[in-house]
N, C-alpha and C. Protein backbone atom coordinates (compact mmCIF):
# COMPACT_ATOMS: atom_id res chain seq x y z
N UNK A 1 0.97 -1.14 -0.12
CA UNK A 1 -0.16 -0.04 0.08
C UNK A 1 0.80 1.18 -0.01
N UNK A 2 0.65 2.24 -1.04
CA UNK A 2 1.37 3.27 -0.96
C UNK A 2 1.21 4.31 -0.01
N UNK A 3 2.30 5.08 0.58
CA UNK A 3 2.14 5.99 1.65
C UNK A 3 1.35 7.19 0.97
N UNK A 4 0.23 7.57 1.77
CA UNK A 4 -0.78 8.63 1.13
C UNK A 4 0.22 10.01 1.28
N UNK A 5 -0.55 10.75 0.68
CA UNK A 5 -0.32 12.28 0.76
C UNK A 5 -1.47 13.14 1.55
N UNK A 6 -1.17 13.96 2.29
CA UNK A 6 -2.06 14.42 3.35
C UNK A 6 -2.23 15.83 2.62
N UNK A 7 -3.24 16.56 2.98
CA UNK A 7 -3.65 17.74 2.63
C UNK A 7 -2.62 18.83 3.14
N UNK A 8 -2.07 18.47 4.27
CA UNK A 8 -1.00 19.65 5.08
C UNK A 8 0.15 19.26 4.23
N UNK A 9 0.51 18.42 3.92
CA UNK A 9 1.92 18.04 3.03
C UNK A 9 1.80 18.75 1.85
N UNK A 10 0.44 18.87 0.97
CA UNK A 10 0.31 19.43 -0.40
C UNK A 10 0.59 20.96 0.15
N UNK A 11 -0.16 21.45 1.23
CA UNK A 11 -0.14 22.89 1.75
C UNK A 11 1.44 23.34 1.73
N UNK A 12 2.15 22.40 2.44
CA UNK A 12 3.52 22.72 2.96
C UNK A 12 4.29 22.85 1.61
N UNK A 13 4.22 21.85 0.71
CA UNK A 13 4.86 21.94 -0.55
C UNK A 13 4.48 23.10 -1.49
N UNK A 14 3.40 23.62 -1.35
CA UNK A 14 2.73 24.69 -2.16
C UNK A 14 3.45 25.91 -1.44
N UNK A 15 3.51 26.01 -0.18
CA UNK A 15 4.02 26.93 0.78
C UNK A 15 5.66 26.99 0.05
N UNK A 16 6.47 26.24 0.14
CA UNK A 16 7.67 26.26 -0.31
C UNK A 16 8.00 26.63 -1.68
N UNK A 17 7.08 26.26 -2.45
CA UNK A 17 6.92 26.59 -4.08
C UNK A 17 6.35 28.01 -4.22
N UNK A 18 6.10 28.52 -3.03
CA UNK A 18 5.27 30.08 -3.26
C UNK A 18 4.28 29.98 -3.94
N UNK A 19 3.24 28.78 -4.02
CA UNK A 19 1.92 29.03 -4.78
C UNK A 19 0.84 29.27 -3.76
N UNK A 20 -0.03 29.84 -4.10
CA UNK A 20 -1.40 30.25 -3.27
C UNK A 20 -2.29 29.32 -3.97
N UNK A 21 -2.61 28.17 -3.51
CA UNK A 21 -3.52 27.34 -3.71
C UNK A 21 -4.97 27.49 -3.21
N UNK A 22 -6.22 27.41 -3.95
CA UNK A 22 -7.53 27.47 -3.24
C UNK A 22 -7.71 26.01 -2.80
N UNK A 23 -8.72 25.90 -1.62
CA UNK A 23 -8.88 24.65 -1.21
C UNK A 23 -9.40 23.58 -2.31
N UNK A 24 -9.78 23.70 -3.22
CA UNK A 24 -10.11 22.80 -4.48
C UNK A 24 -8.90 22.26 -5.05
N UNK A 25 -7.88 23.14 -5.34
CA UNK A 25 -6.67 22.93 -5.70
C UNK A 25 -6.02 21.83 -4.76
N UNK A 26 -6.05 22.28 -3.64
CA UNK A 26 -5.31 21.48 -2.52
C UNK A 26 -5.78 19.84 -2.67
N UNK A 27 -6.95 19.96 -2.76
CA UNK A 27 -7.73 18.58 -2.81
C UNK A 27 -7.36 17.93 -4.07
N UNK A 28 -7.39 18.80 -5.15
CA UNK A 28 -7.19 17.75 -6.41
C UNK A 28 -5.68 17.50 -6.32
N UNK A 29 -4.76 18.32 -6.03
CA UNK A 29 -3.37 17.79 -6.05
C UNK A 29 -3.09 16.78 -5.01
N UNK A 30 -3.83 16.80 -4.00
CA UNK A 30 -3.79 15.35 -2.91
C UNK A 30 -4.17 14.38 -3.65
N UNK A 31 -5.11 14.46 -4.42
CA UNK A 31 -5.83 13.08 -4.96
C UNK A 31 -4.75 12.73 -5.93
N UNK A 32 -4.31 13.71 -6.93
CA UNK A 32 -3.41 13.29 -8.12
C UNK A 32 -2.09 12.75 -7.29
N UNK A 33 -1.49 13.26 -6.35
CA UNK A 33 -0.21 12.97 -5.86
C UNK A 33 -0.41 11.45 -5.30
N UNK A 34 -1.58 11.12 -4.45
CA UNK A 34 -1.93 9.93 -4.14
C UNK A 34 -2.03 8.95 -5.12
N UNK A 35 -2.48 9.21 -6.26
CA UNK A 35 -2.90 8.50 -7.53
C UNK A 35 -1.33 8.36 -7.91
N UNK A 36 -0.41 9.02 -8.29
CA UNK A 36 0.80 9.01 -8.63
C UNK A 36 1.70 7.81 -7.93
N UNK A 37 1.37 8.17 -6.49
CA UNK A 37 2.28 7.20 -5.47
C UNK A 37 1.46 5.69 -5.72
N UNK A 38 0.49 5.61 -5.81
CA UNK A 38 -0.18 4.32 -6.13
C UNK A 38 0.44 3.81 -7.38
N UNK A 39 0.46 4.37 -8.17
CA UNK A 39 0.97 3.78 -9.58
C UNK A 39 2.55 3.53 -9.41
N UNK A 40 3.44 4.43 -8.65
CA UNK A 40 4.82 4.05 -8.47
C UNK A 40 5.03 2.55 -7.42
N UNK A 41 3.87 2.57 -6.54
CA UNK A 41 4.08 1.13 -5.86
C UNK A 41 3.66 0.05 -6.73
N UNK A 42 2.69 0.36 -7.78
CA UNK A 42 2.33 -0.94 -8.56
C UNK A 42 3.58 -1.06 -9.37
N UNK A 43 4.46 -0.16 -9.79
CA UNK A 43 5.50 -0.36 -10.66
C UNK A 43 6.65 -1.05 -9.89
N UNK A 44 6.66 -0.62 -8.65
CA UNK A 44 7.54 -1.55 -7.57
C UNK A 44 7.31 -2.84 -7.39
N UNK A 45 6.03 -3.46 -7.80
CA UNK A 45 5.72 -4.77 -7.76
C UNK A 45 6.35 -5.61 -8.97
N UNK A 46 6.82 -5.00 -10.14
CA UNK A 46 7.23 -5.70 -11.22
C UNK A 46 8.79 -6.17 -11.09
N UNK A 47 8.67 -7.42 -11.49
CA UNK A 47 10.12 -7.99 -11.28
C UNK A 47 11.01 -7.64 -12.29
N UNK A 48 11.85 -7.14 -12.22
CA UNK A 48 12.99 -6.42 -13.10
C UNK A 48 14.39 -7.23 -12.78
N UNK A 49 14.42 -8.34 -11.91
CA UNK A 49 15.60 -9.01 -11.81
C UNK A 49 16.43 -9.36 -13.17
N UNK A 50 15.60 -9.82 -14.06
CA UNK A 50 16.42 -10.20 -15.28
C UNK A 50 16.72 -9.05 -16.46
N UNK A 51 16.31 -7.85 -16.01
CA UNK A 51 16.52 -6.73 -16.93
C UNK A 51 17.77 -5.86 -16.47
N UNK A 52 18.66 -5.77 -17.38
CA UNK A 52 20.03 -5.20 -17.38
C UNK A 52 19.57 -3.64 -17.04
N UNK A 53 20.48 -2.83 -16.49
CA UNK A 53 20.23 -1.43 -16.14
C UNK A 53 20.54 -0.83 -17.31
N UNK A 54 19.75 0.14 -17.93
CA UNK A 54 20.12 0.92 -19.01
C UNK A 54 20.11 2.57 -18.64
N UNK A 55 20.91 3.24 -19.69
CA UNK A 55 21.09 4.72 -19.33
C UNK A 55 20.02 5.36 -20.58
N UNK A 56 19.96 4.65 -21.62
CA UNK A 56 18.90 5.17 -22.60
C UNK A 56 17.92 4.15 -22.96
N UNK A 57 16.68 4.50 -23.43
CA UNK A 57 15.67 3.61 -23.85
C UNK A 57 15.97 2.97 -25.48
N UNK A 58 16.68 3.97 -26.20
CA UNK A 58 17.11 3.53 -27.65
C UNK A 58 18.70 3.35 -27.27
N UNK A 59 19.16 2.30 -28.16
CA UNK A 59 20.45 1.95 -28.12
C UNK A 59 21.22 3.02 -28.87
N UNK A 60 22.44 3.61 -28.47
CA UNK A 60 23.01 4.73 -28.99
C UNK A 60 22.77 6.08 -28.34
N UNK A 61 21.71 6.48 -28.47
CA UNK A 61 21.07 7.53 -28.03
C UNK A 61 21.46 8.57 -29.18
N UNK A 62 20.49 9.72 -29.23
CA UNK A 62 20.77 10.78 -30.27
C UNK A 62 21.72 11.69 -29.90
N UNK A 63 22.04 11.87 -28.83
CA UNK A 63 23.21 12.78 -28.34
C UNK A 63 24.49 12.26 -28.55
N UNK A 64 24.78 11.19 -28.84
CA UNK A 64 26.06 10.60 -29.38
C UNK A 64 26.55 10.99 -30.57
N UNK A 65 25.99 11.73 -31.51
CA UNK A 65 26.51 12.43 -32.83
C UNK A 65 27.79 13.19 -32.28
N UNK A 66 28.72 13.27 -33.26
CA UNK A 66 29.82 13.99 -32.84
C UNK A 66 29.66 15.57 -33.08
N UNK A 67 30.11 16.49 -32.52
CA UNK A 67 29.96 17.85 -32.52
C UNK A 67 30.65 18.42 -33.83
N UNK A 68 29.72 19.16 -34.68
CA UNK A 68 30.18 19.65 -35.75
C UNK A 68 29.77 21.20 -35.90
N UNK A 69 30.52 22.10 -36.27
CA UNK A 69 30.26 23.68 -36.49
C UNK A 69 29.32 23.76 -37.58
N UNK A 70 28.47 24.53 -37.45
CA UNK A 70 27.43 24.62 -38.49
C UNK A 70 26.92 26.08 -38.53
N UNK A 71 26.54 26.57 -39.71
CA UNK A 71 26.36 28.29 -39.63
C UNK A 71 24.96 28.26 -39.11
N UNK A 72 24.78 29.34 -38.42
CA UNK A 72 23.51 29.82 -37.77
C UNK A 72 23.16 31.17 -38.25
N UNK A 73 22.00 31.53 -37.95
CA UNK A 73 21.43 32.90 -38.51
C UNK A 73 21.99 33.95 -37.88
N UNK A 74 22.14 34.85 -38.69
CA UNK A 74 22.88 36.04 -38.66
C UNK A 74 21.99 37.01 -37.32
N UNK A 75 22.68 37.54 -36.56
CA UNK A 75 21.94 38.23 -35.53
C UNK A 75 20.55 38.95 -35.82
N UNK A 76 20.99 40.02 -37.00
CA UNK A 76 19.86 40.72 -37.30
C UNK A 76 18.51 39.99 -37.58
N UNK A 77 18.85 38.69 -38.42
CA UNK A 77 17.97 37.82 -38.86
C UNK A 77 17.13 37.15 -38.05
N UNK A 78 17.81 36.92 -36.84
CA UNK A 78 17.43 36.29 -35.59
C UNK A 78 16.78 37.22 -34.84
N UNK A 79 16.89 38.31 -34.65
CA UNK A 79 16.05 39.32 -33.99
C UNK A 79 15.01 40.04 -34.69
N UNK A 80 15.09 39.73 -36.02
CA UNK A 80 13.83 40.70 -36.70
C UNK A 80 12.55 40.33 -36.16
N UNK A 81 12.03 39.24 -35.83
CA UNK A 81 10.75 38.73 -35.41
C UNK A 81 10.73 38.86 -34.10
N UNK A 82 11.64 39.44 -33.21
CA UNK A 82 11.64 39.46 -31.72
C UNK A 82 10.30 40.25 -31.38
N UNK A 83 9.45 39.77 -30.26
CA UNK A 83 8.50 40.63 -30.00
C UNK A 83 8.83 42.18 -29.24
N UNK A 84 9.80 41.86 -28.66
CA UNK A 84 10.31 43.05 -28.17
C UNK A 84 11.58 43.63 -28.90
N UNK A 85 11.97 45.10 -28.80
CA UNK A 85 13.19 45.52 -29.49
C UNK A 85 14.42 44.91 -28.81
N UNK A 86 15.27 44.18 -29.56
CA UNK A 86 16.46 43.79 -28.92
C UNK A 86 17.41 44.88 -28.47
N UNK A 87 18.26 44.67 -27.38
CA UNK A 87 19.10 45.59 -26.76
C UNK A 87 20.47 45.35 -27.53
N UNK A 88 21.37 46.36 -27.75
CA UNK A 88 22.63 46.38 -28.19
C UNK A 88 23.24 46.55 -26.86
N UNK A 89 24.32 45.48 -26.60
CA UNK A 89 25.23 45.99 -25.34
C UNK A 89 26.63 45.63 -26.09
N UNK A 90 27.85 46.13 -25.25
CA UNK A 90 28.86 45.71 -25.55
C UNK A 90 29.25 44.33 -26.05
N UNK A 91 28.57 43.32 -25.45
CA UNK A 91 28.60 41.89 -25.62
C UNK A 91 27.95 41.37 -26.95
N UNK A 92 26.97 42.47 -27.68
CA UNK A 92 26.26 42.05 -28.60
C UNK A 92 24.51 42.24 -28.62
N UNK A 93 23.75 41.77 -29.49
CA UNK A 93 22.47 41.69 -29.38
C UNK A 93 21.75 40.80 -28.59
N UNK A 94 20.89 40.83 -28.03
CA UNK A 94 20.04 39.88 -27.08
C UNK A 94 18.50 40.08 -27.31
N UNK A 95 17.85 39.15 -27.10
CA UNK A 95 16.36 39.20 -26.92
C UNK A 95 16.06 39.78 -25.64
N UNK A 96 15.06 40.62 -25.46
CA UNK A 96 14.63 41.15 -24.29
C UNK A 96 13.26 40.33 -24.02
N UNK A 97 13.34 39.73 -22.71
CA UNK A 97 12.15 38.86 -22.25
C UNK A 97 11.77 39.46 -20.83
N UNK A 98 10.77 39.11 -20.41
CA UNK A 98 10.01 39.52 -19.23
C UNK A 98 10.82 38.64 -18.20
N UNK A 99 11.01 39.63 -17.06
CA UNK A 99 11.65 38.98 -15.94
C UNK A 99 10.92 37.84 -15.18
N UNK A 100 11.46 36.82 -14.81
CA UNK A 100 11.01 35.51 -14.60
C UNK A 100 11.36 35.05 -12.97
N UNK A 101 12.35 35.66 -12.43
CA UNK A 101 12.82 35.31 -10.94
C UNK A 101 13.01 36.91 -10.51
N UNK A 102 12.11 36.83 -9.25
CA UNK A 102 12.33 37.92 -8.54
C UNK A 102 12.34 39.06 -8.95
């Protein structure tokens, strides 16, 4: 039987993530986290003793290709469709984006 998640735990996690959840969201997330833990518990019951550990689901992996230098867009072309005017700095041109951290 999976360990349950309580409303208090969901509220504590929300507080750590600085999320303001209403009571219906707390109830929904509590239910969803309990369902996730139940599924993980179900997966834990599967016998994988004969399955070798893997780092990728596909052999080789797409990231195993050699690095090669390729041409990219010129900065004016890349910035032409930017939603906000790009800033020129001593380091070059950049996209101006909304602030996302504090």
